[in-house]
C-alpha atoms as a PDB file:
ATOM      1  CA  MET A   1     -37.003   6.209  22.688  1.00  0.00           C
ATOM      2  CA  GLU A   2     -39.141   2.883  22.316  1.00  0.00           C
ATOM      3  CA  ILE A   3     -42.681   2.533  23.802  1.00  0.00           C
ATOM      4  CA  THR A   4     -43.834  -0.936  24.790  1.00  0.00           C
ATOM      5  CA  TRP A   5     -47.292  -2.330  25.508  1.00  0.00           C
ATOM      6  CA  TYR A   6     -48.155  -4.516  27.883  1.00  0.00           C
ATOM      7  CA  GLY A   7     -52.070  -4.205  28.002  1.00  0.00           C
ATOM      8  CA  HIS A   8     -54.527  -2.465  29.622  1.00  0.00           C
ATOM      9  CA  SER A   9     -52.971   0.584  30.616  1.00  0.00           C
ATOM     10  CA  CYS A  10     -49.544  -0.831  31.358  1.00  0.00           C
ATOM     11  CA  PHE A  11     -46.128   0.454  29.368  1.00  0.00           C
ATOM     12  CA  ARG A  12     -42.667   0.659  29.413  1.00  0.00           C
ATOM     13  CA  ILE A  13     -40.651   3.573  27.604  1.00  0.00           C
ATOM     14  CA  VAL A  14     -36.924   3.037  27.176  1.00  0.00           C
ATOM     15  CA  GLU A  15     -34.215   5.606  25.864  1.00  0.00           C
ATOM     16  CA  ARG A  16     -30.189   4.536  25.635  1.00  0.00           C
ATOM     17  CA  GLY A  17     -28.446   5.770  28.496  1.00  0.00           C
ATOM     18  CA  MET A  18     -31.699   6.958  30.824  1.00  0.00           C
ATOM     19  CA  ALA A  19     -33.959   5.721  33.352  1.00  0.00           C
ATOM     20  CA  GLN A  20     -36.392   3.062  32.182  1.00  0.00           C
ATOM     21  CA  VAL A  21     -40.188   3.861  33.299  1.00  0.00           C
ATOM     22  CA  VAL A  22     -42.712   1.249  33.529  1.00  0.00           C
ATOM     23  CA  MET A  23     -46.383   3.015  33.898  1.00  0.00           C
ATOM     24  CA  ASP A  24     -49.804   1.758  35.428  1.00  0.00           C
ATOM     25  CA  PRO A  25     -48.440  -1.778  36.206  1.00  0.00           C
ATOM     26  CA  TYR A  26     -51.498  -4.381  36.911  1.00  0.00           C
ATOM     27  CA  ASP A  27     -52.153  -7.630  38.719  1.00  0.00           C
ATOM     28  CA  HIS A  28     -52.907  -9.809  36.167  1.00  0.00           C
ATOM     29  CA  THR A  29     -55.526 -11.763  38.250  1.00  0.00           C
ATOM     30  CA  VAL A  30     -57.806  -8.332  37.692  1.00  0.00           C
ATOM     31  CA  THR A  31     -56.841  -7.665  34.363  1.00  0.00           C
ATOM     32  CA  GLY A  32     -56.947 -11.128  32.309  1.00  0.00           C
ATOM     33  CA  TYR A  33     -53.619 -10.257  30.958  1.00  0.00           C
ATOM     34  CA  GLU A  34     -50.810 -12.927  31.719  1.00  0.00           C
ATOM     35  CA  LEU A  35     -48.523 -12.451  34.842  1.00  0.00           C
ATOM     36  CA  LEU A  36     -45.852  -9.087  34.542  1.00  0.00           C
ATOM     37  CA  LYS A  37     -42.547  -9.506  34.892  1.00  0.00           C
ATOM     38  CA  LEU A  38     -40.919  -6.494  34.169  1.00  0.00           C
ATOM     39  CA  LYS A  39     -37.803  -4.285  35.421  1.00  0.00           C
ATOM     40  CA  ALA A  40     -37.728  -0.518  35.729  1.00  0.00           C
ATOM     41  CA  ASP A  41     -35.834   2.286  37.276  1.00  0.00           C
ATOM     42  CA  ILE A  42     -39.105   4.467  37.782  1.00  0.00           C
ATOM     43  CA  VAL A  43     -42.671   3.204  38.208  1.00  0.00           C
ATOM     44  CA  THR A  44     -45.706   5.606  37.773  1.00  0.00           C
ATOM     45  CA  VAL A  45     -49.037   5.185  39.434  1.00  0.00           C
ATOM     46  CA  SER A  46     -52.140   7.194  38.098  1.00  0.00           C
ATOM     47  CA  HIS A  47     -54.382   5.661  41.147  1.00  0.00           C
ATOM     48  CA  ALA A  48     -55.052   3.037  43.831  1.00  0.00           C
ATOM     49  CA  SER A  49     -56.194   0.232  41.827  1.00  0.00           C
ATOM     50  CA  PRO A  50     -55.129  -3.009  41.776  1.00  0.00           C
ATOM     51  CA  SER A  51     -55.394  -2.818  37.733  1.00  0.00           C
ATOM     52  CA  HIS A  52     -53.116   0.342  37.489  1.00  0.00           C
ATOM     53  CA  ASN A  53     -51.143  -0.039  41.172  1.00  0.00           C
ATOM     54  CA  HIS A  54     -49.508  -3.273  41.256  1.00  0.00           C
ATOM     55  CA  LEU A  55     -46.043  -2.788  42.004  1.00  0.00           C
ATOM     56  CA  ALA A  56     -45.228  -6.303  42.466  1.00  0.00           C
ATOM     57  CA  ALA A  57     -45.160  -6.714  38.910  1.00  0.00           C
ATOM     58  CA  VAL A  58     -42.092  -4.740  38.290  1.00  0.00           C
ATOM     59  CA  LYS A  59     -38.872  -6.272  39.716  1.00  0.00           C
ATOM     60  CA  GLY A  60     -35.834  -4.089  41.156  1.00  0.00           C
ATOM     61  CA  ASP A  61     -35.400  -1.375  43.441  1.00  0.00           C
ATOM     62  CA  PRO A  62     -37.487   1.084  41.443  1.00  0.00           C
ATOM     63  CA  HIS A  63     -38.529   4.612  42.473  1.00  0.00           C
ATOM     64  CA  VAL A  64     -42.138   5.119  42.713  1.00  0.00           C
ATOM     65  CA  ILE A  65     -44.229   8.228  41.807  1.00  0.00           C
ATOM     66  CA  SER A  66     -47.516   7.894  42.656  1.00  0.00           C
ATOM     67  CA  GLY A  67     -48.623  11.547  42.738  1.00  0.00           C
ATOM     68  CA  PRO A  68     -48.801  14.896  41.272  1.00  0.00           C
ATOM     69  CA  GLY A  69     -45.372  16.847  41.422  1.00  0.00           C
ATOM     70  CA  GLU A  70     -42.193  17.358  39.441  1.00  0.00           C
ATOM     71  CA  TYR A  71     -39.589  14.630  39.659  1.00  0.00           C
ATOM     72  CA  GLU A  72     -36.168  14.412  37.490  1.00  0.00           C
ATOM     73  CA  ILE A  73     -34.902  10.865  38.148  1.00  0.00           C
ATOM     74  CA  GLY A  74     -32.168   9.180  35.861  1.00  0.00           C
ATOM     75  CA  GLY A  75     -32.016  12.128  33.107  1.00  0.00           C
ATOM     76  CA  VAL A  76     -36.235  11.719  33.080  1.00  0.00           C
ATOM     77  CA  PHE A  77     -38.174  14.800  33.982  1.00  0.00           C
ATOM     78  CA  ILE A  78     -41.254  13.960  34.914  1.00  0.00           C
ATOM     79  CA  THR A  79     -44.698  15.792  35.982  1.00  0.00           C
ATOM     80  CA  GLY A  80     -47.390  14.357  37.369  1.00  0.00           C
ATOM     81  CA  ILE A  81     -51.103  16.258  37.622  1.00  0.00           C
ATOM     82  CA  GLN A  82     -54.082  15.549  39.567  1.00  0.00           C
ATOM     83  CA  THR A  83     -57.005  15.332  37.780  1.00  0.00           C
ATOM     84  CA  ASN A  84     -60.604  14.405  39.525  1.00  0.00           C
ATOM     85  CA  GLN A  85     -62.520  11.323  38.997  1.00  0.00           C
ATOM     86  CA  THR A  86     -65.767  12.653  39.778  1.00  0.00           C
ATOM     87  CA  LYS A  87     -67.378  15.618  41.166  1.00  0.00           C
ATOM     88  CA  LYS A  88     -68.511  13.816  44.332  1.00  0.00           C
ATOM     89  CA  ASP A  89     -66.942  14.421  47.638  1.00  0.00           C
ATOM     90  CA  ASP A  90     -65.817  11.237  48.047  1.00  0.00           C
ATOM     91  CA  GLU A  91     -63.926  11.095  44.509  1.00  0.00           C
ATOM     92  CA  LEU A  92     -61.192   8.931  43.152  1.00  0.00           C
ATOM     93  CA  ARG A  93     -57.916  10.742  42.319  1.00  0.00           C
ATOM     94  CA  ASN A  94     -56.143  10.203  38.730  1.00  0.00           C
ATOM     95  CA  THR A  95     -52.603  11.731  38.044  1.00  0.00           C
ATOM     96  CA  LEU A  96     -51.545  11.730  34.744  1.00  0.00           C
ATOM     97  CA  TYR A  97     -47.629  12.236  33.671  1.00  0.00           C
ATOM     98  CA  MET A  98     -45.657  13.812  31.441  1.00  0.00           C
ATOM     99  CA  ILE A  99     -42.617  12.485  31.137  1.00  0.00           C
ATOM    100  CA  GLU A 100     -39.601  13.853  28.971  1.00  0.00           C
ATOM    101  CA  PHE A 101     -36.898  12.150  26.883  1.00  0.00           C
ATOM    102  CA  ASN A 102     -34.237  14.378  25.709  1.00  0.00           C
ATOM    103  CA  GLY A 103     -37.230  16.848  24.491  1.00  0.00           C
ATOM    104  CA  LEU A 104     -39.633  14.163  23.477  1.00  0.00           C
ATOM    105  CA  ASN A 105     -42.593  14.438  25.619  1.00  0.00           C
ATOM    106  CA  VAL A 106     -45.145  11.487  26.409  1.00  0.00           C
ATOM    107  CA  LEU A 107     -48.233  11.843  28.543  1.00  0.00           C
ATOM    108  CA  HIS A 108     -50.123   9.351  29.634  1.00  0.00           C
ATOM    109  CA  LEU A 109     -53.682   9.883  30.887  1.00  0.00           C
ATOM    110  CA  GLY A 110     -53.967   6.948  33.343  1.00  0.00           C
ATOM    111  CA  ASP A 111     -57.850   6.480  34.031  1.00  0.00           C
ATOM    112  CA  MET A 112     -58.445  10.266  33.102  1.00  0.00           C
ATOM    113  CA  ASN A 113     -62.489  10.337  32.889  1.00  0.00           C
ATOM    114  CA  ARG A 114     -63.402  14.104  31.667  1.00  0.00           C
ATOM    115  CA  VAL A 115     -62.307  16.442  29.126  1.00  0.00           C
ATOM    116  CA  PRO A 116     -59.483  18.740  30.346  1.00  0.00           C
ATOM    117  CA  THR A 117     -60.370  22.581  29.976  1.00  0.00           C
ATOM    118  CA  GLN A 118     -58.322  24.646  27.530  1.00  0.00           C
ATOM    119  CA  THR A 119     -56.604  26.175  30.521  1.00  0.00           C
ATOM    120  CA  GLU A 120     -55.488  22.826  31.247  1.00  0.00           C
ATOM    121  CA  VAL A 121     -54.544  21.784  28.061  1.00  0.00           C
ATOM    122  CA  GLU A 122     -51.973  25.231  27.442  1.00  0.00           C
ATOM    123  CA  ALA A 123     -50.430  24.209  30.698  1.00  0.00           C
ATOM    124  CA  LEU A 124     -49.045  21.198  29.254  1.00  0.00           C
ATOM    125  CA  GLY A 125     -47.250  22.551  26.493  1.00  0.00           C
ATOM    126  CA  ALA A 126     -46.563  20.285  23.651  1.00  0.00           C
ATOM    127  CA  VAL A 127     -47.739  17.000  23.461  1.00  0.00           C
ATOM    128  CA  HIS A 128     -45.976  14.606  21.449  1.00  0.00           C
ATOM    129  CA  VAL A 129     -47.105  11.435  22.387  1.00  0.00           C
ATOM    130  CA  VAL A 130     -50.143  10.501  24.422  1.00  0.00           C
ATOM    131  CA  MET A 131     -51.428   7.365  25.606  1.00  0.00           C
ATOM    132  CA  VAL A 132     -55.300   7.828  26.218  1.00  0.00           C
ATOM    133  CA  PRO A 133     -58.035   5.788  27.319  1.00  0.00           C
ATOM    134  CA  VAL A 134     -60.383   5.103  24.842  1.00  0.00           C
ATOM    135  CA  GLY A 135     -62.838   1.881  26.329  1.00  0.00           C
ATOM    136  CA  GLY A 136     -64.999   3.708  28.663  1.00  0.00           C
ATOM    137  CA  GLY A 137     -65.478   2.083  32.065  1.00  0.00           C
ATOM    138  CA  CYS A 138     -64.339   4.404  35.007  1.00  0.00           C
ATOM    139  CA  SER A 139     -62.240   6.425  32.295  1.00  0.00           C
ATOM    140  CA  LEU A 140     -62.570   8.214  28.881  1.00  0.00           C
ATOM    141  CA  ASN A 141     -64.985   6.579  26.465  1.00  0.00           C
ATOM    142  CA  ALA A 142     -64.428   6.602  22.837  1.00  0.00           C
ATOM    143  CA  ALA A 143     -66.105   9.826  22.283  1.00  0.00           C
ATOM    144  CA  ARG A 144     -64.840  11.629  24.791  1.00  0.00           C
ATOM    145  CA  ALA A 145     -60.933  10.306  23.839  1.00  0.00           C
ATOM    146  CA  ALA A 146     -61.508  11.486  20.457  1.00  0.00           C
ATOM    147  CA  GLU A 147     -62.323  15.058  21.956  1.00  0.00           C
ATOM    148  CA  VAL A 148     -59.363  14.970  24.254  1.00  0.00           C
ATOM    149  CA  ILE A 149     -57.217  14.505  21.395  1.00  0.00           C
ATOM    150  CA  ASN A 150     -58.703  17.147  19.170  1.00  0.00           C
ATOM    151  CA  LEU A 151     -57.382  19.221  22.249  1.00  0.00           C
ATOM    152  CA  LEU A 152     -54.048  18.242  22.957  1.00  0.00           C
ATOM    153  CA  GLU A 153     -53.026  17.966  18.708  1.00  0.00           C
ATOM    154  CA  PRO A 154     -50.573  15.353  19.779  1.00  0.00           C
ATOM    155  CA  ASN A 155     -48.376  13.926  16.771  1.00  0.00           C
ATOM    156  CA  ILE A 156     -49.024  10.428  17.776  1.00  0.00           C
ATOM    157  CA  VAL A 157     -51.798   8.575  19.777  1.00  0.00           C
ATOM    158  CA  ILE A 158     -51.425   5.472  21.390  1.00  0.00           C
ATOM    159  CA  PRO A 159     -55.141   3.912  22.399  1.00  0.00           C
ATOM    160  CA  MET A 160     -55.061   2.000  25.820  1.00  0.00           C
ATOM    161  CA  HIS A 161     -57.729   0.676  28.310  1.00  0.00           C
ATOM    162  CA  TYR A 162     -60.070  -1.018  25.752  1.00  0.00           C
ATOM    163  CA  ALA A 163     -61.485  -4.688  25.054  1.00  0.00           C
ATOM    164  CA  THR A 164     -59.230  -7.054  23.865  1.00  0.00           C
ATOM    165  CA  ALA A 165     -58.763 -11.128  23.312  1.00  0.00           C
ATOM    166  CA  HIS A 166     -56.673 -10.880  26.483  1.00  0.00           C
ATOM    167  CA  SER A 167     -58.592  -8.903  28.612  1.00  0.00           C
ATOM    168  CA  SER A 168     -61.452  -9.453  30.875  1.00  0.00           C
ATOM    169  CA  VAL A 169     -62.326  -5.665  32.035  1.00  0.00           C
ATOM    170  CA  GLN A 170     -65.563  -4.935  30.713  1.00  0.00           C
ATOM    171  CA  LEU A 171     -64.581  -2.237  28.100  1.00  0.00           C
ATOM    172  CA  GLU A 172     -65.648  -1.122  24.453  1.00  0.00           C
ATOM    173  CA  PRO A 173     -63.255  -2.277  21.641  1.00  0.00           C
ATOM    174  CA  LEU A 174     -60.914  -0.049  19.655  1.00  0.00           C
ATOM    175  CA  SER A 175     -63.174  -0.468  16.685  1.00  0.00           C
ATOM    176  CA  LYS A 176     -65.692   2.336  18.707  1.00  0.00           C
ATOM    177  CA  PHE A 177     -62.886   4.976  19.154  1.00  0.00           C
ATOM    178  CA  LEU A 178     -61.394   4.374  15.489  1.00  0.00           C
ATOM    179  CA  LYS A 179     -64.970   5.255  14.018  1.00  0.00           C
ATOM    180  CA  GLU A 180     -64.790   8.301  16.327  1.00  0.00           C
ATOM    181  CA  MET A 181     -61.548   9.430  14.386  1.00  0.00           C
ATOM    182  CA  GLY A 182     -62.722   8.709  11.130  1.00  0.00           C
ATOM    183  CA  LEU A 183     -60.682   5.628  10.507  1.00  0.00           C
ATOM    184  CA  LYS A 184     -61.477   2.640   9.068  1.00  0.00           C
ATOM    185  CA  GLU A 185     -58.169   0.946  10.193  1.00  0.00           C
ATOM    186  CA  VAL A 186     -54.879   1.976  11.922  1.00  0.00           C
ATOM    187  CA  GLU A 187     -51.491   1.258  12.149  1.00  0.00           C
ATOM    188  CA  THR A 188     -50.356  -1.488  14.359  1.00  0.00           C
ATOM    189  CA  LEU A 189     -46.849  -1.663  15.634  1.00  0.00           C
ATOM    190  CA  PRO A 190     -44.672  -4.134  17.918  1.00  0.00           C
ATOM    191  CA  SER A 191     -43.361  -1.220  19.655  1.00  0.00           C
ATOM    192  CA  LEU A 192     -42.988   2.821  19.043  1.00  0.00           C
ATOM    193  CA  LYS A 193     -39.619   3.978  18.258  1.00  0.00           C
ATOM    194  CA  VAL A 194     -39.131   7.779  17.987  1.00  0.00           C
ATOM    195  CA  THR A 195     -35.852   8.815  17.261  1.00  0.00           C
ATOM    196  CA  SER A 196     -36.057  12.222  17.343  1.00  0.00           C
ATOM    197  CA  LEU A 197     -38.549  15.612  17.213  1.00  0.00           C
ATOM    198  CA  SER A 198     -38.123  15.573  13.111  1.00  0.00           C
ATOM    199  CA  SER A 199     -39.080  12.011  13.135  1.00  0.00           C
ATOM    200  CA  LEU A 200     -42.807  13.057  14.480  1.00  0.00           C
ATOM    201  CA  PRO A 201     -45.784  13.216  11.850  1.00  0.00           C
ATOM    202  CA  ASP A 202     -46.837  16.598  11.132  1.00  0.00           C
ATOM    203  CA  GLU A 203     -50.251  15.190  11.286  1.00  0.00           C
ATOM    204  CA  THR A 204     -51.686  13.514  14.499  1.00  0.00           C
ATOM    205  CA  ARG A 205     -51.303   9.894  13.618  1.00  0.00           C
ATOM    206  CA  VAL A 206     -52.858   6.897  15.353  1.00  0.00           C
ATOM    207  CA  VAL A 207     -50.712   3.986  16.479  1.00  0.00           C
ATOM    208  CA  ALA A 208     -52.297   0.810  17.796  1.00  0.00           C
ATOM    209  CA  LEU A 209     -49.364  -1.088  19.534  1.00  0.00           C
ATOM    210  CA  GLU A 210     -49.605  -4.914  19.788  1.00  0.00           C
ATOM    211  CA  TYR A 211     -49.887  -6.470  23.174  1.00  0.00           C
ATOM    212  CA  GLN A 212     -46.520  -7.858  24.552  1.00  0.00           C
ATOM    213  CA  ARG A 213     -46.149 -10.080  27.303  1.00  0.00           C
ATOM    214  CA  GLY A 214     -44.143  -8.909  30.216  1.00  0.00           C
END
């Protein structure tokens, strides 16, 4: 399985012989990143925002998943769980997605902005890789992101939704999150490749993926 980051909260997950998944494609005029030109069999959308639901950026005729439920497409199992953005009556809705590839569980938190309860965490089951927003704005800030990771106890953490040289969205830098995690530096990779459950680290590891132009 290979995970590639295209900036903001957008990722593509590829596994040989299985459906390709793109998560939270954005309108580049809103985020500041370059124009996306991706292909996928499945697109997941965490919420109705041009920085997360720009379907025109994904070519082909993909299956679009934009809300809670259980799905099986092309050998990929996806569970969408709705989370609340605020406690107001007109609250926005966010859907996090757990995606299973041959027993590897990948969790994309979308624009989640609150720390889940212990009951909610237990309902998720094992989380092997998690994409977590860390830059604040409408989603988790650095301190809350660190708290979420402590609850989830994933093998690998991929930060997303933070300020970069390419982004025009007002967010906090990755360094603030690393400080909350007690890290002075972080491993960076062009993409994350996971071959099996046995290849995962025993202790939680933070991996910052390099922005790839789509």
